[in-house]
Amino acid sequence: MTPKKELVARILEELRRQLAKMEHAAREAHAAASDPGSKAESKYDTRSLEASYLAAGQAQQVADLAAAVTLLASFEARDFDLDDEIDAGALVAVSGDEEGAWYLLAPAAGGLAIPDDGLEITVLTPASRLYQNLIGKTLGDEVEEGFVTELR
């Protein structure tokens, strides 16, 4: 399995890729909203209003992604011993009735799934119920999704 430092770097790379795409989309939406061709032709024509809402929403997504990049860039995921309690930065395997799953507890990029050596590692943030459920647990403890079977 890839060391956590490299895993965080790959997550950052993906976030930066998403940010670049979102910045491009936000610029296009802003241009469409301010284009004279999108002016209302009647009182029922809402193209300009809709374009401005889209531009505002995309601008907010750009700001959120930029904040996530900044937060993750300063994040250092420490190594954990098998008897440590789970905390931010932990790479955790949870196995239940079905296949097991790997999670990285991080401050941003929640829900992002990164492939790694045939596994998929999902990023969890403090807003996630599973993140909150895992904090303080140790190897072998039960969580809603199964049991903590590995900790790195």
N, C-alpha and C. Protein backbone atom coordinates (compact mmCIF):
# COMPACT_ATOMS: atom_id res chain seq x y z
N MET A 1 0.85 -1.18 0.00
CA MET A 1 0.00 0.00 0.00
C MET A 1 0.89 1.24 0.00
N THR A 2 0.45 2.23 -0.72
CA THR A 2 1.18 3.50 -0.85
C THR A 2 1.30 4.18 0.51
N PRO A 3 2.48 4.74 0.82
CA PRO A 3 2.62 5.50 2.07
C PRO A 3 1.61 6.66 2.11
N LYS A 4 1.18 7.02 3.31
CA LYS A 4 0.15 8.05 3.46
C LYS A 4 0.55 9.39 2.85
N LYS A 5 1.81 9.74 2.97
CA LYS A 5 2.26 11.02 2.42
C LYS A 5 2.01 11.07 0.91
N GLU A 6 2.30 9.97 0.22
CA GLU A 6 2.05 9.90 -1.22
C GLU A 6 0.56 9.87 -1.52
N LEU A 7 -0.20 9.20 -0.67
CA LEU A 7 -1.65 9.13 -0.84
C LEU A 7 -2.26 10.53 -0.72
N VAL A 8 -1.83 11.30 0.26
CA VAL A 8 -2.32 12.67 0.43
C VAL A 8 -1.92 13.51 -0.77
N ALA A 9 -0.71 13.30 -1.29
CA ALA A 9 -0.25 14.04 -2.47
C ALA A 9 -1.13 13.71 -3.68
N ARG A 10 -1.54 12.46 -3.84
CA ARG A 10 -2.42 12.07 -4.95
C ARG A 10 -3.82 12.69 -4.77
N ILE A 11 -4.28 12.76 -3.53
CA ILE A 11 -5.58 13.39 -3.26
C ILE A 11 -5.50 14.87 -3.61
N LEU A 12 -4.42 15.52 -3.21
CA LEU A 12 -4.21 16.93 -3.54
C LEU A 12 -4.16 17.15 -5.05
N GLU A 13 -3.49 16.26 -5.74
CA GLU A 13 -3.41 16.35 -7.20
C GLU A 13 -4.81 16.28 -7.82
N GLU A 14 -5.62 15.36 -7.34
CA GLU A 14 -6.99 15.23 -7.85
C GLU A 14 -7.82 16.47 -7.52
N LEU A 15 -7.68 17.00 -6.31
CA LEU A 15 -8.41 18.21 -5.95
C LEU A 15 -7.99 19.39 -6.82
N ARG A 16 -6.71 19.50 -7.10
CA ARG A 16 -6.24 20.59 -7.96
C ARG A 16 -6.77 20.43 -9.38
N ARG A 17 -6.87 19.20 -9.85
CA ARG A 17 -7.43 18.94 -11.18
C ARG A 17 -8.92 19.36 -11.20
N GLN A 18 -9.66 18.99 -10.17
CA GLN A 18 -11.06 19.38 -10.07
C GLN A 18 -11.20 20.89 -9.97
N LEU A 19 -10.31 21.52 -9.22
CA LEU A 19 -10.35 22.98 -9.06
C LEU A 19 -10.13 23.68 -10.40
N ALA A 20 -9.17 23.21 -11.18
CA ALA A 20 -8.92 23.82 -12.49
C ALA A 20 -10.14 23.70 -13.40
N LYS A 21 -10.79 22.53 -13.40
CA LYS A 21 -11.99 22.35 -14.21
C LYS A 21 -13.12 23.26 -13.74
N MET A 22 -13.27 23.36 -12.42
CA MET A 22 -14.34 24.16 -11.87
C MET A 22 -14.09 25.65 -12.12
N GLU A 23 -12.83 26.08 -12.04
CA GLU A 23 -12.52 27.48 -12.34
C GLU A 23 -12.87 27.82 -13.78
N HIS A 24 -12.57 26.91 -14.69
CA HIS A 24 -12.90 27.11 -16.10
C HIS A 24 -14.42 27.21 -16.28
N ALA A 25 -15.15 26.30 -15.65
CA ALA A 25 -16.61 26.31 -15.75
C ALA A 25 -17.20 27.58 -15.14
N ALA A 26 -16.63 28.04 -14.03
CA ALA A 26 -17.12 29.25 -13.38
C ALA A 26 -16.88 30.48 -14.26
N ARG A 27 -15.73 30.53 -14.92
CA ARG A 27 -15.46 31.65 -15.83
C ARG A 27 -16.46 31.66 -16.99
N GLU A 28 -16.74 30.47 -17.53
CA GLU A 28 -17.71 30.38 -18.62
C GLU A 28 -19.12 30.78 -18.16
N ALA A 29 -19.50 30.35 -16.97
CA ALA A 29 -20.82 30.70 -16.45
C ALA A 29 -20.92 32.20 -16.20
N HIS A 30 -19.84 32.79 -15.70
CA HIS A 30 -19.84 34.24 -15.47
C HIS A 30 -19.95 34.99 -16.80
N ALA A 31 -19.23 34.51 -17.81
CA ALA A 31 -19.29 35.14 -19.13
C ALA A 31 -20.71 35.04 -19.71
N ALA A 32 -21.33 33.89 -19.53
CA ALA A 32 -22.70 33.72 -20.02
C ALA A 32 -23.68 34.62 -19.29
N ALA A 33 -23.47 34.79 -17.99
CA ALA A 33 -24.37 35.62 -17.19
C ALA A 33 -24.26 37.09 -17.56
N SER A 34 -23.06 37.51 -17.96
CA SER A 34 -22.86 38.92 -18.27
C SER A 34 -22.90 39.21 -19.77
N ASP A 35 -23.15 38.21 -20.59
CA ASP A 35 -23.22 38.36 -22.04
C ASP A 35 -24.49 39.13 -22.41
N PRO A 36 -24.34 40.16 -23.23
CA PRO A 36 -25.53 40.93 -23.65
C PRO A 36 -26.56 40.06 -24.37
N GLY A 37 -26.11 38.97 -24.97
CA GLY A 37 -27.03 38.08 -25.67
C GLY A 37 -27.95 37.30 -24.76
N SER A 38 -27.67 37.29 -23.47
CA SER A 38 -28.53 36.55 -22.54
C SER A 38 -29.53 37.44 -21.83
N LYS A 39 -29.63 38.68 -22.28
CA LYS A 39 -30.62 39.60 -21.68
C LYS A 39 -32.02 39.08 -21.94
N ALA A 40 -32.88 39.35 -21.02
CA ALA A 40 -34.27 38.89 -21.13
C ALA A 40 -34.96 39.55 -22.32
N GLU A 41 -35.69 38.75 -23.07
CA GLU A 41 -36.44 39.26 -24.21
C GLU A 41 -37.88 39.58 -23.81
N SER A 42 -38.30 39.05 -22.67
CA SER A 42 -39.64 39.35 -22.15
C SER A 42 -39.58 39.20 -20.64
N LYS A 43 -40.67 39.55 -19.98
CA LYS A 43 -40.66 39.44 -18.52
C LYS A 43 -40.65 37.99 -18.05
N TYR A 44 -40.91 37.04 -18.95
CA TYR A 44 -40.91 35.62 -18.60
C TYR A 44 -39.59 34.92 -18.94
N ASP A 45 -38.70 35.64 -19.59
CA ASP A 45 -37.41 35.09 -19.98
C ASP A 45 -36.45 35.21 -18.80
N THR A 46 -36.03 34.08 -18.27
CA THR A 46 -35.18 34.08 -17.07
C THR A 46 -33.75 33.59 -17.34
N ARG A 47 -33.36 33.56 -18.61
CA ARG A 47 -32.01 33.06 -18.94
C ARG A 47 -30.91 33.78 -18.17
N SER A 48 -30.96 35.09 -18.14
CA SER A 48 -29.93 35.88 -17.47
C SER A 48 -29.90 35.59 -15.98
N LEU A 49 -31.07 35.51 -15.37
CA LEU A 49 -31.16 35.22 -13.94
C LEU A 49 -30.61 33.83 -13.63
N GLU A 50 -31.00 32.86 -14.45
CA GLU A 50 -30.51 31.48 -14.26
C GLU A 50 -29.00 31.41 -14.42
N ALA A 51 -28.47 32.10 -15.42
CA ALA A 51 -27.03 32.11 -15.66
C ALA A 51 -26.29 32.74 -14.47
N SER A 52 -26.89 33.79 -13.88
CA SER A 52 -26.21 34.42 -12.73
C SER A 52 -26.24 33.51 -11.51
N TYR A 53 -27.33 32.77 -11.31
CA TYR A 53 -27.39 31.79 -10.21
C TYR A 53 -26.34 30.70 -10.41
N LEU A 54 -26.22 30.22 -11.65
CA LEU A 54 -25.22 29.19 -11.95
C LEU A 54 -23.82 29.72 -11.69
N ALA A 55 -23.55 30.94 -12.13
CA ALA A 55 -22.22 31.53 -11.93
C ALA A 55 -21.91 31.68 -10.44
N ALA A 56 -22.90 32.10 -9.67
CA ALA A 56 -22.68 32.27 -8.22
C ALA A 56 -22.42 30.92 -7.55
N GLY A 57 -23.17 29.91 -7.93
CA GLY A 57 -22.98 28.57 -7.36
C GLY A 57 -21.62 28.00 -7.70
N GLN A 58 -21.20 28.17 -8.93
CA GLN A 58 -19.89 27.66 -9.33
C GLN A 58 -18.76 28.43 -8.67
N ALA A 59 -18.95 29.72 -8.48
CA ALA A 59 -17.94 30.51 -7.76
C ALA A 59 -17.79 30.00 -6.33
N GLN A 60 -18.91 29.63 -5.70
CA GLN A 60 -18.84 29.08 -4.34
C GLN A 60 -18.13 27.74 -4.33
N GLN A 61 -18.38 26.90 -5.34
CA GLN A 61 -17.69 25.61 -5.42
C GLN A 61 -16.19 25.81 -5.61
N VAL A 62 -15.80 26.80 -6.39
CA VAL A 62 -14.38 27.11 -6.57
C VAL A 62 -13.77 27.51 -5.24
N ALA A 63 -14.46 28.35 -4.49
CA ALA A 63 -13.95 28.78 -3.18
C ALA A 63 -13.83 27.60 -2.23
N ASP A 64 -14.82 26.72 -2.23
CA ASP A 64 -14.79 25.53 -1.35
C ASP A 64 -13.63 24.61 -1.72
N LEU A 65 -13.43 24.37 -3.02
CA LEU A 65 -12.33 23.51 -3.46
C LEU A 65 -10.98 24.14 -3.14
N ALA A 66 -10.86 25.44 -3.34
CA ALA A 66 -9.60 26.13 -3.02
C ALA A 66 -9.29 26.02 -1.53
N ALA A 67 -10.31 26.15 -0.70
CA ALA A 67 -10.12 26.00 0.75
C ALA A 67 -9.70 24.58 1.09
N ALA A 68 -10.29 23.59 0.42
CA ALA A 68 -9.94 22.19 0.66
C ALA A 68 -8.49 21.92 0.27
N VAL A 69 -8.05 22.49 -0.85
CA VAL A 69 -6.66 22.33 -1.29
C VAL A 69 -5.72 22.93 -0.26
N THR A 70 -6.02 24.12 0.21
CA THR A 70 -5.19 24.79 1.22
C THR A 70 -5.11 23.96 2.50
N LEU A 71 -6.25 23.48 2.95
CA LEU A 71 -6.31 22.70 4.18
C LEU A 71 -5.53 21.40 4.04
N LEU A 72 -5.72 20.71 2.94
CA LEU A 72 -5.05 19.43 2.74
C LEU A 72 -3.55 19.59 2.50
N ALA A 73 -3.16 20.71 1.89
CA ALA A 73 -1.73 20.95 1.63
C ALA A 73 -0.93 21.08 2.92
N SER A 74 -1.58 21.53 3.99
CA SER A 74 -0.87 21.67 5.27
C SER A 74 -1.11 20.49 6.20
N PHE A 75 -1.85 19.50 5.74
CA PHE A 75 -2.20 18.32 6.55
C PHE A 75 -1.07 17.30 6.53
N GLU A 76 -0.69 16.84 7.71
CA GLU A 76 0.31 15.78 7.81
C GLU A 76 -0.31 14.58 8.51
N ALA A 77 -0.47 13.51 7.78
CA ALA A 77 -1.06 12.30 8.33
C ALA A 77 0.04 11.50 9.03
N ARG A 78 -0.03 11.44 10.34
CA ARG A 78 1.00 10.73 11.10
C ARG A 78 0.78 9.23 11.01
N ASP A 79 1.79 8.47 11.37
CA ASP A 79 1.68 7.02 11.41
C ASP A 79 1.07 6.60 12.74
N PHE A 80 0.31 5.54 12.70
CA PHE A 80 -0.35 5.01 13.89
C PHE A 80 0.20 3.63 14.20
N ASP A 81 0.31 3.32 15.49
CA ASP A 81 0.63 1.97 15.93
C ASP A 81 -0.67 1.19 16.07
N LEU A 82 -0.57 -0.13 16.07
CA LEU A 82 -1.77 -0.96 16.13
C LEU A 82 -2.60 -0.75 17.38
N ASP A 83 -1.98 -0.29 18.48
CA ASP A 83 -2.76 -0.10 19.71
C ASP A 83 -3.19 1.34 19.93
N ASP A 84 -2.92 2.23 18.95
CA ASP A 84 -3.34 3.63 19.05
C ASP A 84 -4.85 3.76 18.84
N GLU A 85 -5.39 4.85 19.38
CA GLU A 85 -6.78 5.18 19.08
C GLU A 85 -6.83 5.88 17.72
N ILE A 86 -7.88 5.64 16.99
CA ILE A 86 -8.05 6.26 15.68
C ILE A 86 -8.28 7.75 15.87
N ASP A 87 -7.60 8.53 15.02
CA ASP A 87 -7.70 9.98 15.06
C ASP A 87 -7.47 10.49 13.64
N ALA A 88 -7.54 11.80 13.45
CA ALA A 88 -7.29 12.40 12.14
C ALA A 88 -5.96 11.92 11.59
N GLY A 89 -5.95 11.58 10.31
CA GLY A 89 -4.74 11.08 9.66
C GLY A 89 -4.64 9.57 9.61
N ALA A 90 -5.53 8.88 10.30
CA ALA A 90 -5.48 7.42 10.31
C ALA A 90 -5.96 6.85 8.98
N LEU A 91 -5.33 5.78 8.59
CA LEU A 91 -5.76 4.97 7.45
C LEU A 91 -6.34 3.71 8.07
N VAL A 92 -7.64 3.49 7.88
CA VAL A 92 -8.35 2.46 8.63
C VAL A 92 -9.06 1.50 7.69
N ALA A 93 -8.98 0.21 7.99
CA ALA A 93 -9.76 -0.80 7.28
C ALA A 93 -10.91 -1.21 8.18
N VAL A 94 -12.11 -1.23 7.61
CA VAL A 94 -13.29 -1.67 8.33
C VAL A 94 -13.89 -2.83 7.54
N SER A 95 -14.09 -3.95 8.22
CA SER A 95 -14.66 -5.12 7.57
C SER A 95 -15.97 -5.49 8.24
N GLY A 96 -16.97 -5.71 7.42
CA GLY A 96 -18.28 -6.11 7.93
C GLY A 96 -18.67 -7.44 7.35
N ASP A 97 -19.98 -7.64 7.19
CA ASP A 97 -20.48 -8.88 6.61
C ASP A 97 -20.00 -9.04 5.17
N GLU A 98 -19.92 -7.92 4.48
CA GLU A 98 -19.47 -7.94 3.09
C GLU A 98 -17.98 -7.62 3.04
N GLU A 99 -17.53 -7.19 1.86
CA GLU A 99 -16.13 -6.83 1.68
C GLU A 99 -15.70 -5.69 2.60
N GLY A 100 -14.43 -5.65 2.92
CA GLY A 100 -13.92 -4.57 3.75
C GLY A 100 -13.72 -3.30 2.95
N ALA A 101 -13.54 -2.20 3.65
CA ALA A 101 -13.32 -0.91 3.01
C ALA A 101 -12.21 -0.17 3.74
N TRP A 102 -11.48 0.64 2.99
CA TRP A 102 -10.40 1.45 3.55
C TRP A 102 -10.80 2.92 3.57
N TYR A 103 -10.44 3.60 4.65
CA TYR A 103 -10.78 5.01 4.82
C TYR A 103 -9.56 5.78 5.31
N LEU A 104 -9.41 7.00 4.80
CA LEU A 104 -8.41 7.92 5.30
C LEU A 104 -9.16 9.06 5.96
N LEU A 105 -8.88 9.30 7.23
CA LEU A 105 -9.54 10.37 7.97
C LEU A 105 -8.74 11.65 7.75
N ALA A 106 -9.34 12.59 7.02
CA ALA A 106 -8.65 13.81 6.60
C ALA A 106 -9.53 15.03 6.86
N PRO A 107 -8.94 16.22 6.82
CA PRO A 107 -9.72 17.44 7.09
C PRO A 107 -10.55 17.93 5.91
N ALA A 108 -10.30 17.41 4.70
CA ALA A 108 -11.00 17.88 3.51
C ALA A 108 -11.06 16.77 2.46
N ALA A 109 -11.80 17.01 1.41
CA ALA A 109 -11.94 16.09 0.27
C ALA A 109 -12.82 14.88 0.59
N GLY A 110 -13.76 15.06 1.49
CA GLY A 110 -14.65 13.97 1.88
C GLY A 110 -15.38 13.36 0.70
N GLY A 111 -15.42 12.04 0.67
CA GLY A 111 -16.11 11.30 -0.38
C GLY A 111 -15.22 10.95 -1.56
N LEU A 112 -14.08 11.59 -1.68
CA LEU A 112 -13.17 11.29 -2.78
C LEU A 112 -12.63 9.88 -2.59
N ALA A 113 -12.66 9.08 -3.65
CA ALA A 113 -12.14 7.71 -3.60
C ALA A 113 -10.90 7.64 -4.47
N ILE A 114 -9.82 7.14 -3.90
CA ILE A 114 -8.53 7.05 -4.59
C ILE A 114 -8.16 5.57 -4.73
N PRO A 115 -7.92 5.11 -5.96
CA PRO A 115 -7.47 3.72 -6.13
C PRO A 115 -6.03 3.57 -5.65
N ASP A 116 -5.75 2.43 -5.02
CA ASP A 116 -4.40 2.19 -4.51
C ASP A 116 -4.14 0.69 -4.44
N ASP A 117 -3.26 0.21 -5.27
CA ASP A 117 -2.87 -1.21 -5.27
C ASP A 117 -4.08 -2.14 -5.26
N GLY A 118 -5.04 -1.88 -6.13
CA GLY A 118 -6.21 -2.74 -6.23
C GLY A 118 -7.29 -2.47 -5.19
N LEU A 119 -7.03 -1.54 -4.29
CA LEU A 119 -8.01 -1.16 -3.28
C LEU A 119 -8.55 0.22 -3.61
N GLU A 120 -9.64 0.57 -2.96
CA GLU A 120 -10.16 1.92 -3.09
C GLU A 120 -10.18 2.53 -1.69
N ILE A 121 -9.52 3.67 -1.55
CA ILE A 121 -9.46 4.35 -0.26
C ILE A 121 -10.37 5.57 -0.35
N THR A 122 -11.33 5.63 0.55
CA THR A 122 -12.29 6.74 0.57
C THR A 122 -11.89 7.72 1.66
N VAL A 123 -11.90 9.00 1.31
CA VAL A 123 -11.56 10.05 2.26
C VAL A 123 -12.79 10.39 3.08
N LEU A 124 -12.62 10.40 4.40
CA LEU A 124 -13.67 10.81 5.32
C LEU A 124 -13.26 12.10 6.00
N THR A 125 -14.22 12.99 6.21
CA THR A 125 -13.96 14.24 6.92
C THR A 125 -14.78 14.28 8.20
N PRO A 126 -14.47 15.22 9.09
CA PRO A 126 -15.20 15.30 10.36
C PRO A 126 -16.72 15.45 10.22
N ALA A 127 -17.19 15.91 9.08
CA ALA A 127 -18.64 16.05 8.86
C ALA A 127 -19.31 14.69 8.67
N SER A 128 -18.52 13.66 8.39
CA SER A 128 -19.05 12.32 8.13
C SER A 128 -19.40 11.59 9.43
N ARG A 129 -20.53 10.93 9.44
CA ARG A 129 -20.93 10.15 10.62
C ARG A 129 -19.94 9.01 10.87
N LEU A 130 -19.46 8.38 9.79
CA LEU A 130 -18.49 7.29 9.96
C LEU A 130 -17.19 7.81 10.56
N TYR A 131 -16.72 8.97 10.13
CA TYR A 131 -15.52 9.58 10.71
C TYR A 131 -15.71 9.73 12.21
N GLN A 132 -16.83 10.31 12.61
CA GLN A 132 -17.12 10.54 14.03
C GLN A 132 -17.23 9.21 14.78
N ASN A 133 -17.76 8.20 14.11
CA ASN A 133 -17.91 6.89 14.73
C ASN A 133 -16.55 6.21 14.93
N LEU A 134 -15.61 6.46 14.02
CA LEU A 134 -14.29 5.82 14.10
C LEU A 134 -13.36 6.49 15.12
N ILE A 135 -13.51 7.79 15.33
CA ILE A 135 -12.62 8.51 16.24
C ILE A 135 -12.65 7.86 17.63
N GLY A 136 -11.45 7.58 18.14
CA GLY A 136 -11.32 7.00 19.47
C GLY A 136 -11.39 5.49 19.51
N LYS A 137 -11.78 4.86 18.43
CA LYS A 137 -11.84 3.39 18.38
C LYS A 137 -10.43 2.83 18.23
N THR A 138 -10.29 1.55 18.52
CA THR A 138 -9.02 0.87 18.35
C THR A 138 -9.23 -0.39 17.53
N LEU A 139 -8.14 -1.02 17.18
CA LEU A 139 -8.17 -2.25 16.39
C LEU A 139 -9.10 -3.27 17.04
N GLY A 140 -10.03 -3.82 16.26
CA GLY A 140 -10.96 -4.82 16.76
C GLY A 140 -12.28 -4.26 17.27
N ASP A 141 -12.36 -2.95 17.47
CA ASP A 141 -13.61 -2.34 17.94
C ASP A 141 -14.69 -2.43 16.87
N GLU A 142 -15.92 -2.48 17.34
CA GLU A 142 -17.05 -2.54 16.43
C GLU A 142 -17.54 -1.13 16.11
N VAL A 143 -17.86 -0.91 14.86
CA VAL A 143 -18.50 0.31 14.40
C VAL A 143 -19.73 -0.12 13.60
N GLU A 144 -20.59 0.81 13.25
CA GLU A 144 -21.82 0.46 12.54
C GLU A 144 -21.58 -0.37 11.29
N GLU A 145 -20.49 -0.12 10.60
CA GLU A 145 -20.20 -0.77 9.33
C GLU A 145 -19.47 -2.11 9.49
N GLY A 146 -19.08 -2.46 10.69
CA GLY A 146 -18.35 -3.71 10.92
C GLY A 146 -17.35 -3.55 12.04
N PHE A 147 -16.17 -4.07 11.82
CA PHE A 147 -15.10 -4.02 12.82
C PHE A 147 -13.86 -3.36 12.23
N VAL A 148 -13.12 -2.64 13.07
CA VAL A 148 -11.85 -2.06 12.66
C VAL A 148 -10.86 -3.21 12.58
N THR A 149 -10.38 -3.50 11.37
CA THR A 149 -9.50 -4.65 11.19
C THR A 149 -8.05 -4.28 10.90
N GLU A 150 -7.81 -3.01 10.56
CA GLU A 150 -6.44 -2.59 10.33
C GLU A 150 -6.33 -1.10 10.57
N LEU A 151 -5.18 -0.66 11.04
CA LEU A 151 -4.93 0.75 11.34
C LEU A 151 -3.50 1.07 10.97
N ARG A 152 -3.34 2.14 10.20
CA ARG A 152 -1.99 2.57 9.80
C ARG A 152 -1.82 4.04 10.06
